[in-house]
Amino acid sequence: MIKFHISSVSNGTTKARCFYSRFNMASTGQDCVTIYAKDYGHAISQVFGGDCYENNTDSQMDYFDQGHVRIVEGHPLFQAACKAVEAASDAFDRRQAKAAAKWIARRLQRERKARLALS
């Protein structure tokens, strides 16, 4: 059983760090979730097996691909992958909002200090 997490996928024994992308494939028009490996190992291929895994490494051109898995609409794992994409996107939005709030607080604090120094 494959489990999708915010920044990884696992099959119970192997865990692979990854990030997600959801789009419509231009060639077929199908909705698709692509799971990109963050590491150069073969952990993502061990999680999904060899049927969905792609690695387009070209060592002659010094191009190394970490590998990815495409899950198209209609695949049994598609709904779970879509939920993982949404969860990862929500987590990213929360981190961005927190960082923006920190930046604004620091900026306001600097402005207050500058105003106090001038008075």
N, C-alpha and C. Protein backbone atom coordinates (compact mmCIF):
# COMPACT_ATOMS: atom_id res chain seq x y z
N MET A 1 0.83 -1.17 0.00
CA MET A 1 0.00 0.00 0.00
C MET A 1 0.88 1.24 0.00
N ILE A 2 0.69 2.10 -0.96
CA ILE A 2 1.48 3.32 -1.08
C ILE A 2 0.79 4.43 -0.32
N LYS A 3 1.57 5.12 0.52
CA LYS A 3 1.06 6.25 1.30
C LYS A 3 1.70 7.52 0.79
N PHE A 4 0.87 8.54 0.61
CA PHE A 4 1.33 9.84 0.15
C PHE A 4 1.40 10.79 1.33
N HIS A 5 2.53 11.45 1.50
CA HIS A 5 2.72 12.44 2.55
C HIS A 5 2.99 13.79 1.88
N ILE A 6 3.13 14.84 2.66
CA ILE A 6 3.33 16.17 2.09
C ILE A 6 4.61 16.24 1.27
N SER A 7 5.69 15.65 1.76
CA SER A 7 6.96 15.74 1.03
C SER A 7 7.61 14.38 0.79
N SER A 8 6.83 13.31 0.85
CA SER A 8 7.39 11.99 0.60
C SER A 8 6.28 10.99 0.25
N VAL A 9 6.71 9.87 -0.28
CA VAL A 9 5.82 8.73 -0.51
C VAL A 9 6.50 7.50 0.08
N SER A 10 5.69 6.55 0.53
CA SER A 10 6.28 5.34 1.11
C SER A 10 5.39 4.15 0.82
N ASN A 11 6.01 2.99 0.86
CA ASN A 11 5.25 1.75 0.68
C ASN A 11 5.30 0.88 1.93
N GLY A 12 5.71 1.45 3.04
CA GLY A 12 5.81 0.71 4.29
C GLY A 12 7.23 0.32 4.64
N THR A 13 8.04 0.04 3.63
CA THR A 13 9.43 -0.32 3.88
C THR A 13 10.39 0.73 3.33
N THR A 14 10.04 1.35 2.22
CA THR A 14 10.90 2.35 1.60
C THR A 14 10.19 3.69 1.58
N LYS A 15 10.93 4.75 1.91
CA LYS A 15 10.39 6.10 1.90
C LYS A 15 11.22 6.94 0.93
N ALA A 16 10.54 7.66 0.04
CA ALA A 16 11.24 8.49 -0.96
C ALA A 16 10.79 9.94 -0.81
N ARG A 17 11.77 10.84 -0.65
CA ARG A 17 11.45 12.26 -0.60
C ARG A 17 11.05 12.71 -1.99
N CYS A 18 10.02 13.58 -2.07
CA CYS A 18 9.52 13.98 -3.39
C CYS A 18 8.78 15.30 -3.32
N PHE A 19 8.44 15.83 -4.48
CA PHE A 19 7.50 16.94 -4.59
C PHE A 19 6.56 16.65 -5.74
N TYR A 20 5.41 17.31 -5.73
CA TYR A 20 4.31 16.97 -6.62
C TYR A 20 4.02 18.10 -7.60
N SER A 21 3.42 17.71 -8.72
CA SER A 21 2.93 18.66 -9.71
C SER A 21 1.68 18.07 -10.35
N ARG A 22 0.66 18.90 -10.53
CA ARG A 22 -0.57 18.43 -11.17
C ARG A 22 -0.85 19.31 -12.38
N PHE A 23 -1.13 18.68 -13.50
CA PHE A 23 -1.39 19.41 -14.74
C PHE A 23 -2.13 18.52 -15.72
N ASN A 24 -2.55 19.10 -16.82
CA ASN A 24 -3.13 18.33 -17.93
C ASN A 24 -2.03 18.04 -18.92
N MET A 25 -1.90 16.79 -19.30
CA MET A 25 -0.88 16.41 -20.28
C MET A 25 -1.29 16.95 -21.65
N ALA A 26 -0.39 17.63 -22.31
CA ALA A 26 -0.69 18.23 -23.61
C ALA A 26 -0.93 17.16 -24.67
N SER A 27 -0.21 16.06 -24.59
CA SER A 27 -0.33 15.04 -25.63
C SER A 27 -1.66 14.30 -25.58
N THR A 28 -2.19 14.08 -24.38
CA THR A 28 -3.43 13.30 -24.26
C THR A 28 -4.60 14.10 -23.72
N GLY A 29 -4.32 15.21 -23.06
CA GLY A 29 -5.38 16.01 -22.46
C GLY A 29 -5.88 15.46 -21.13
N GLN A 30 -5.24 14.40 -20.64
CA GLN A 30 -5.65 13.80 -19.37
C GLN A 30 -5.07 14.58 -18.20
N ASP A 31 -5.81 14.58 -17.09
CA ASP A 31 -5.32 15.15 -15.85
C ASP A 31 -4.23 14.23 -15.32
N CYS A 32 -3.15 14.79 -14.81
CA CYS A 32 -1.99 13.99 -14.44
C CYS A 32 -1.34 14.56 -13.19
N VAL A 33 -0.87 13.69 -12.30
CA VAL A 33 -0.06 14.07 -11.15
C VAL A 33 1.32 13.48 -11.39
N THR A 34 2.34 14.34 -11.34
CA THR A 34 3.71 13.87 -11.49
C THR A 34 4.39 13.98 -10.14
N ILE A 35 5.05 12.94 -9.73
CA ILE A 35 5.76 12.89 -8.47
C ILE A 35 7.25 12.85 -8.80
N TYR A 36 7.96 13.92 -8.46
CA TYR A 36 9.38 14.05 -8.76
C TYR A 36 10.21 13.65 -7.54
N ALA A 37 11.23 12.85 -7.74
CA ALA A 37 12.13 12.46 -6.66
C ALA A 37 13.03 13.64 -6.31
N LYS A 38 13.29 13.84 -5.04
CA LYS A 38 14.22 14.89 -4.61
C LYS A 38 15.65 14.37 -4.55
N ASP A 39 15.83 13.07 -4.47
CA ASP A 39 17.15 12.48 -4.33
C ASP A 39 17.51 11.68 -5.58
N TYR A 40 18.81 11.47 -5.78
CA TYR A 40 19.27 10.75 -6.97
C TYR A 40 19.19 9.23 -6.83
N GLY A 41 18.87 8.71 -5.67
CA GLY A 41 18.77 7.26 -5.49
C GLY A 41 17.57 6.70 -6.24
N HIS A 42 17.34 5.44 -6.07
CA HIS A 42 16.23 4.78 -6.76
C HIS A 42 15.09 4.46 -5.80
N ALA A 43 14.96 5.24 -4.73
CA ALA A 43 13.93 4.95 -3.73
C ALA A 43 12.53 5.08 -4.31
N ILE A 44 12.30 6.07 -5.16
CA ILE A 44 10.95 6.26 -5.71
C ILE A 44 10.57 5.11 -6.64
N SER A 45 11.55 4.54 -7.33
CA SER A 45 11.25 3.39 -8.18
C SER A 45 10.95 2.16 -7.33
N GLN A 46 11.55 2.06 -6.15
CA GLN A 46 11.27 0.94 -5.25
C GLN A 46 9.88 1.07 -4.65
N VAL A 47 9.43 2.31 -4.42
CA VAL A 47 8.10 2.53 -3.85
C VAL A 47 7.03 2.16 -4.86
N PHE A 48 7.16 2.61 -6.11
CA PHE A 48 6.13 2.41 -7.12
C PHE A 48 6.37 1.20 -8.00
N GLY A 49 7.53 0.63 -7.94
CA GLY A 49 7.84 -0.45 -8.86
C GLY A 49 8.27 0.14 -10.20
N GLY A 50 8.53 -0.69 -11.15
CA GLY A 50 9.04 -0.20 -12.42
C GLY A 50 7.98 0.21 -13.42
N ASP A 51 6.70 0.02 -13.13
CA ASP A 51 5.68 0.27 -14.15
C ASP A 51 5.43 1.76 -14.42
N CYS A 52 5.48 2.62 -13.43
CA CYS A 52 5.19 4.04 -13.61
C CYS A 52 6.45 4.90 -13.64
N TYR A 53 7.56 4.36 -13.19
CA TYR A 53 8.79 5.13 -12.97
C TYR A 53 9.48 5.47 -14.29
N GLU A 54 9.94 6.74 -14.40
CA GLU A 54 10.71 7.18 -15.57
C GLU A 54 11.96 7.89 -15.08
N ASN A 55 13.07 7.65 -15.75
CA ASN A 55 14.31 8.34 -15.47
C ASN A 55 14.97 8.61 -16.81
N ASN A 56 15.09 9.87 -17.18
CA ASN A 56 15.61 10.25 -18.49
C ASN A 56 17.05 10.73 -18.41
N THR A 57 17.87 10.08 -17.59
CA THR A 57 19.26 10.47 -17.44
C THR A 57 20.02 10.22 -18.74
N ASP A 58 20.82 11.20 -19.11
CA ASP A 58 21.69 11.06 -20.27
C ASP A 58 23.10 11.38 -19.81
N SER A 59 23.87 10.36 -19.47
CA SER A 59 25.20 10.59 -18.89
C SER A 59 26.17 11.16 -19.91
N GLN A 60 25.95 10.99 -21.20
CA GLN A 60 26.84 11.56 -22.20
C GLN A 60 26.71 13.07 -22.27
N MET A 61 25.55 13.58 -21.91
CA MET A 61 25.33 15.03 -21.96
C MET A 61 25.41 15.66 -20.57
N ASP A 62 25.88 14.89 -19.57
CA ASP A 62 25.96 15.37 -18.19
C ASP A 62 24.60 15.82 -17.67
N TYR A 63 23.58 15.11 -18.05
CA TYR A 63 22.23 15.41 -17.57
C TYR A 63 21.76 14.26 -16.71
N PHE A 64 21.51 14.52 -15.45
CA PHE A 64 21.09 13.48 -14.53
C PHE A 64 19.71 13.83 -13.99
N ASP A 65 18.78 12.96 -14.21
CA ASP A 65 17.39 13.13 -13.77
C ASP A 65 17.21 12.29 -12.51
N GLN A 66 16.58 12.86 -11.50
CA GLN A 66 16.34 12.09 -10.30
C GLN A 66 15.26 11.04 -10.51
N GLY A 67 14.44 11.21 -11.49
CA GLY A 67 13.36 10.26 -11.77
C GLY A 67 12.02 10.83 -11.36
N HIS A 68 10.98 10.33 -11.99
CA HIS A 68 9.63 10.78 -11.67
C HIS A 68 8.63 9.67 -12.00
N VAL A 69 7.45 9.84 -11.42
CA VAL A 69 6.35 8.91 -11.64
C VAL A 69 5.16 9.73 -12.08
N ARG A 70 4.50 9.30 -13.14
CA ARG A 70 3.28 9.98 -13.61
C ARG A 70 2.09 9.09 -13.31
N ILE A 71 1.09 9.70 -12.66
CA ILE A 71 -0.15 8.99 -12.36
C ILE A 71 -1.26 9.74 -13.09
N VAL A 72 -1.86 9.09 -14.07
CA VAL A 72 -2.90 9.74 -14.88
C VAL A 72 -4.28 9.45 -14.32
N GLU A 73 -5.22 10.26 -14.75
CA GLU A 73 -6.60 10.10 -14.33
C GLU A 73 -7.08 8.69 -14.70
N GLY A 74 -7.76 8.05 -13.77
CA GLY A 74 -8.21 6.69 -13.98
C GLY A 74 -7.35 5.66 -13.28
N HIS A 75 -6.13 6.03 -12.90
CA HIS A 75 -5.24 5.13 -12.16
C HIS A 75 -5.78 4.97 -10.74
N PRO A 76 -5.66 3.79 -10.12
CA PRO A 76 -6.20 3.59 -8.76
C PRO A 76 -5.62 4.55 -7.71
N LEU A 77 -4.40 5.05 -7.91
CA LEU A 77 -3.77 5.94 -6.95
C LEU A 77 -4.02 7.42 -7.24
N PHE A 78 -4.77 7.72 -8.29
CA PHE A 78 -4.93 9.11 -8.73
C PHE A 78 -5.57 10.00 -7.66
N GLN A 79 -6.64 9.55 -7.03
CA GLN A 79 -7.33 10.38 -6.03
C GLN A 79 -6.43 10.64 -4.83
N ALA A 80 -5.69 9.65 -4.38
CA ALA A 80 -4.78 9.84 -3.25
C ALA A 80 -3.66 10.80 -3.63
N ALA A 81 -3.17 10.70 -4.85
CA ALA A 81 -2.12 11.61 -5.31
C ALA A 81 -2.64 13.05 -5.39
N CYS A 82 -3.88 13.22 -5.84
CA CYS A 82 -4.47 14.57 -5.90
C CYS A 82 -4.60 15.17 -4.50
N LYS A 83 -4.98 14.37 -3.53
CA LYS A 83 -5.07 14.85 -2.15
C LYS A 83 -3.69 15.25 -1.63
N ALA A 84 -2.65 14.50 -2.00
CA ALA A 84 -1.29 14.84 -1.59
C ALA A 84 -0.84 16.15 -2.22
N VAL A 85 -1.21 16.38 -3.48
CA VAL A 85 -0.88 17.64 -4.15
C VAL A 85 -1.54 18.81 -3.41
N GLU A 86 -2.80 18.66 -3.05
CA GLU A 86 -3.51 19.72 -2.34
C GLU A 86 -2.91 19.96 -0.97
N ALA A 87 -2.55 18.89 -0.25
CA ALA A 87 -1.95 19.03 1.08
C ALA A 87 -0.59 19.72 0.99
N ALA A 88 0.21 19.35 0.00
CA ALA A 88 1.52 19.98 -0.17
C ALA A 88 1.37 21.45 -0.54
N SER A 89 0.40 21.76 -1.38
CA SER A 89 0.15 23.14 -1.77
C SER A 89 -0.32 23.97 -0.57
N ASP A 90 -1.21 23.41 0.25
CA ASP A 90 -1.68 24.11 1.44
C ASP A 90 -0.54 24.35 2.42
N ALA A 91 0.33 23.35 2.60
CA ALA A 91 1.47 23.51 3.50
C ALA A 91 2.41 24.60 2.99
N PHE A 92 2.63 24.65 1.69
CA PHE A 92 3.46 25.70 1.11
C PHE A 92 2.84 27.07 1.34
N ASP A 93 1.53 27.19 1.14
CA ASP A 93 0.85 28.47 1.35
C ASP A 93 0.95 28.91 2.81
N ARG A 94 0.82 27.97 3.74
CA ARG A 94 0.95 28.31 5.16
C ARG A 94 2.35 28.80 5.48
N ARG A 95 3.38 28.13 4.93
CA ARG A 95 4.76 28.57 5.16
C ARG A 95 5.00 29.95 4.59
N GLN A 96 4.46 30.21 3.41
CA GLN A 96 4.63 31.52 2.78
C GLN A 96 3.94 32.61 3.60
N ALA A 97 2.73 32.34 4.09
CA ALA A 97 2.00 33.32 4.89
C ALA A 97 2.74 33.60 6.20
N LYS A 98 3.29 32.57 6.81
CA LYS A 98 4.04 32.74 8.05
C LYS A 98 5.30 33.57 7.81
N ALA A 99 5.99 33.29 6.72
CA ALA A 99 7.20 34.05 6.39
C ALA A 99 6.86 35.51 6.09
N ALA A 100 5.76 35.74 5.39
CA ALA A 100 5.35 37.12 5.08
C ALA A 100 4.98 37.87 6.35
N ALA A 101 4.28 37.20 7.27
CA ALA A 101 3.92 37.84 8.54
C ALA A 101 5.16 38.19 9.34
N LYS A 102 6.16 37.31 9.36
CA LYS A 102 7.41 37.59 10.06
C LYS A 102 8.12 38.79 9.43
N TRP A 103 8.15 38.82 8.12
CA TRP A 103 8.82 39.91 7.42
C TRP A 103 8.15 41.24 7.73
N ILE A 104 6.81 41.26 7.72
CA ILE A 104 6.08 42.48 8.02
C ILE A 104 6.33 42.92 9.46
N ALA A 105 6.34 41.97 10.40
CA ALA A 105 6.59 42.31 11.80
C ALA A 105 7.99 42.90 11.98
N ARG A 106 8.99 42.30 11.33
CA ARG A 106 10.35 42.85 11.42
C ARG A 106 10.44 44.24 10.81
N ARG A 107 9.76 44.41 9.69
CA ARG A 107 9.78 45.71 9.02
C ARG A 107 9.14 46.79 9.89
N LEU A 108 8.00 46.49 10.51
CA LEU A 108 7.33 47.44 11.40
C LEU A 108 8.19 47.76 12.62
N GLN A 109 8.87 46.76 13.14
CA GLN A 109 9.74 46.97 14.28
C GLN A 109 10.90 47.91 13.92
N ARG A 110 11.50 47.70 12.75
CA ARG A 110 12.58 48.59 12.31
C ARG A 110 12.09 50.01 12.11
N GLU A 111 10.88 50.17 11.55
CA GLU A 111 10.32 51.51 11.35
C GLU A 111 10.06 52.20 12.68
N ARG A 112 9.56 51.45 13.67
CA ARG A 112 9.33 52.04 15.01
C ARG A 112 10.64 52.49 15.64
N LYS A 113 11.68 51.65 15.51
CA LYS A 113 12.98 52.02 16.06
C LYS A 113 13.54 53.28 15.37
N ALA A 114 13.35 53.34 14.06
CA ALA A 114 13.83 54.52 13.32
C ALA A 114 13.09 55.76 13.73
N ARG A 115 11.77 55.66 13.93
CA ARG A 115 11.00 56.82 14.36
C ARG A 115 11.41 57.27 15.77
N LEU A 116 11.66 56.31 16.66
CA LEU A 116 12.09 56.64 18.01
C LEU A 116 13.46 57.29 18.01
N ALA A 117 14.33 56.84 17.14
CA ALA A 117 15.68 57.42 17.04
C ALA A 117 15.62 58.86 16.53
N LEU A 118 14.68 59.16 15.67
CA LEU A 118 14.53 60.51 15.12
C LEU A 118 13.86 61.47 16.10
N SER A 119 13.05 60.94 17.04
CA SER A 119 12.34 61.85 17.96
C SER A 119 13.18 62.27 19.12
